[in-house]
């Protein structure tokens, strides 16, 4: 059985400011571009809108109704970057 890479990624709604960390995993063996991406634990207030095995296509819905991509470019004001 192939090993899986595991990591956390901060989800943040640009609409209402709700945030939390998703626990995710993906296959170490990426044959044919398949990353076998999975969200193992979604933070409170977020749900899967359009699940996908590709994190660039995985859509998340916030409790306020706002939808966004799991892998998104987030713009922070100067001095407002996460630590």
C-alpha atoms as a PDB file:
ATOM      1  CA  UNK A   1       0.000   0.000   0.000  1.00  0.00           C
ATOM      2  CA  UNK A   2       1.309   3.426  -0.927  1.00  0.00           C
ATOM      3  CA  UNK A   3       2.108   5.934   1.811  1.00  0.00           C
ATOM      4  CA  UNK A   4       0.220   9.214   2.014  1.00  0.00           C
ATOM      5  CA  UNK A   5       1.530  12.726   2.585  1.00  0.00           C
ATOM      6  CA  UNK A   6      -0.460  14.481   5.339  1.00  0.00           C
ATOM      7  CA  UNK A   7      -0.609  18.195   6.053  1.00  0.00           C
ATOM      8  CA  UNK A   8      -2.834  20.989   7.380  1.00  0.00           C
ATOM      9  CA  UNK A   9      -4.044  23.941   5.358  1.00  0.00           C
ATOM     10  CA  UNK A  10      -5.801  27.045   6.644  1.00  0.00           C
ATOM     11  CA  UNK A  11      -9.209  27.712   5.109  1.00  0.00           C
ATOM     12  CA  UNK A  12     -10.423  31.281   5.358  1.00  0.00           C
ATOM     13  CA  UNK A  13     -13.672  32.717   4.022  1.00  0.00           C
ATOM     14  CA  UNK A  14     -13.161  36.097   2.388  1.00  0.00           C
ATOM     15  CA  UNK A  15     -16.875  36.850   2.863  1.00  0.00           C
ATOM     16  CA  UNK A  16     -17.334  36.443   6.639  1.00  0.00           C
ATOM     17  CA  UNK A  17     -13.809  35.781   7.977  1.00  0.00           C
ATOM     18  CA  UNK A  18     -14.586  32.264   9.269  1.00  0.00           C
ATOM     19  CA  UNK A  19     -11.358  30.238   9.397  1.00  0.00           C
ATOM     20  CA  UNK A  20      -9.983  26.895  10.475  1.00  0.00           C
ATOM     21  CA  UNK A  21      -7.463  24.239   9.523  1.00  0.00           C
ATOM     22  CA  UNK A  22      -8.334  21.324   7.239  1.00  0.00           C
ATOM     23  CA  UNK A  23      -6.414  18.071   7.688  1.00  0.00           C
ATOM     24  CA  UNK A  24      -5.661  16.650   4.244  1.00  0.00           C
ATOM     25  CA  UNK A  25      -3.762  13.804   2.644  1.00  0.00           C
ATOM     26  CA  UNK A  26      -2.634  12.808  -0.839  1.00  0.00           C
ATOM     27  CA  UNK A  27      -0.782   9.916  -2.382  1.00  0.00           C
ATOM     28  CA  UNK A  28       3.019   9.954  -2.450  1.00  0.00           C
ATOM     29  CA  UNK A  29       2.889   8.085  -5.753  1.00  0.00           C
ATOM     30  CA  UNK A  30       1.478  10.437  -8.351  1.00  0.00           C
ATOM     31  CA  UNK A  31       1.133   8.250 -11.404  1.00  0.00           C
ATOM     32  CA  UNK A  32      -0.529   9.920 -14.355  1.00  0.00           C
ATOM     33  CA  UNK A  33      -0.990  13.161 -12.416  1.00  0.00           C
ATOM     34  CA  UNK A  34      -3.472  11.578  -9.976  1.00  0.00           C
ATOM     35  CA  UNK A  35      -2.746  12.983  -6.514  1.00  0.00           C
ATOM     36  CA  UNK A  36      -5.596  11.057  -4.817  1.00  0.00           C
ATOM     37  CA  UNK A  37      -6.305  14.177  -2.728  1.00  0.00           C
ATOM     38  CA  UNK A  38      -8.682  13.826   0.261  1.00  0.00           C
ATOM     39  CA  UNK A  39      -9.787  16.120   3.062  1.00  0.00           C
ATOM     40  CA  UNK A  40      -9.659  13.901   6.131  1.00  0.00           C
ATOM     41  CA  UNK A  41     -11.056  16.487   8.549  1.00  0.00           C
ATOM     42  CA  UNK A  42     -12.912  19.675   7.599  1.00  0.00           C
ATOM     43  CA  UNK A  43     -12.949  22.554  10.129  1.00  0.00           C
ATOM     44  CA  UNK A  44     -16.223  23.598  11.762  1.00  0.00           C
ATOM     45  CA  UNK A  45     -18.306  25.876   9.560  1.00  0.00           C
ATOM     46  CA  UNK A  46     -17.016  24.496   6.253  1.00  0.00           C
ATOM     47  CA  UNK A  47     -18.289  21.698   4.006  1.00  0.00           C
ATOM     48  CA  UNK A  48     -17.419  20.144   0.659  1.00  0.00           C
ATOM     49  CA  UNK A  49     -19.337  21.784  -2.200  1.00  0.00           C
ATOM     50  CA  UNK A  50     -17.738  19.943  -5.140  1.00  0.00           C
ATOM     51  CA  UNK A  51     -15.285  17.248  -3.927  1.00  0.00           C
ATOM     52  CA  UNK A  52     -12.451  16.324  -6.285  1.00  0.00           C
ATOM     53  CA  UNK A  53      -9.276  14.255  -6.191  1.00  0.00           C
ATOM     54  CA  UNK A  54      -7.486  17.385  -7.501  1.00  0.00           C
ATOM     55  CA  UNK A  55      -7.070  20.129  -4.834  1.00  0.00           C
ATOM     56  CA  UNK A  56      -7.170  22.825  -7.535  1.00  0.00           C
ATOM     57  CA  UNK A  57     -10.735  21.749  -8.418  1.00  0.00           C
ATOM     58  CA  UNK A  58     -12.019  20.973  -4.885  1.00  0.00           C
ATOM     59  CA  UNK A  59     -14.686  23.530  -3.917  1.00  0.00           C
ATOM     60  CA  UNK A  60     -15.483  24.392  -0.300  1.00  0.00           C
ATOM     61  CA  UNK A  61     -18.628  26.065   1.069  1.00  0.00           C
ATOM     62  CA  UNK A  62     -18.556  28.269   4.162  1.00  0.00           C
ATOM     63  CA  UNK A  63     -21.465  28.384   6.601  1.00  0.00           C
ATOM     64  CA  UNK A  64     -22.291  31.869   5.245  1.00  0.00           C
ATOM     65  CA  UNK A  65     -22.877  30.358   1.774  1.00  0.00           C
ATOM     66  CA  UNK A  66     -19.696  31.632   0.131  1.00  0.00           C
ATOM     67  CA  UNK A  67     -17.958  29.072  -2.141  1.00  0.00           C
ATOM     68  CA  UNK A  68     -14.236  29.027  -2.926  1.00  0.00           C
ATOM     69  CA  UNK A  69     -11.492  26.715  -4.162  1.00  0.00           C
ATOM     70  CA  UNK A  70      -9.494  24.693  -1.624  1.00  0.00           C
ATOM     71  CA  UNK A  71      -6.242  25.903  -3.224  1.00  0.00           C
ATOM     72  CA  UNK A  72      -6.717  29.613  -3.638  1.00  0.00           C
ATOM     73  CA  UNK A  73      -4.416  32.580  -3.724  1.00  0.00           C
ATOM     74  CA  UNK A  74      -5.137  34.671  -0.648  1.00  0.00           C
ATOM     75  CA  UNK A  75      -4.185  38.328  -0.601  1.00  0.00           C
ATOM     76  CA  UNK A  76      -3.365  39.715   2.825  1.00  0.00           C
ATOM     77  CA  UNK A  77      -2.807  43.377   3.645  1.00  0.00           C
ATOM     78  CA  UNK A  78       0.734  44.354   4.693  1.00  0.00           C
ATOM     79  CA  UNK A  79       1.406  43.044   8.180  1.00  0.00           C
ATOM     80  CA  UNK A  80      -1.662  40.800   8.053  1.00  0.00           C
ATOM     81  CA  UNK A  81       0.009  37.603   6.898  1.00  0.00           C
ATOM     82  CA  UNK A  82      -0.734  34.472   8.928  1.00  0.00           C
ATOM     83  CA  UNK A  83       1.966  33.383  11.369  1.00  0.00           C
END
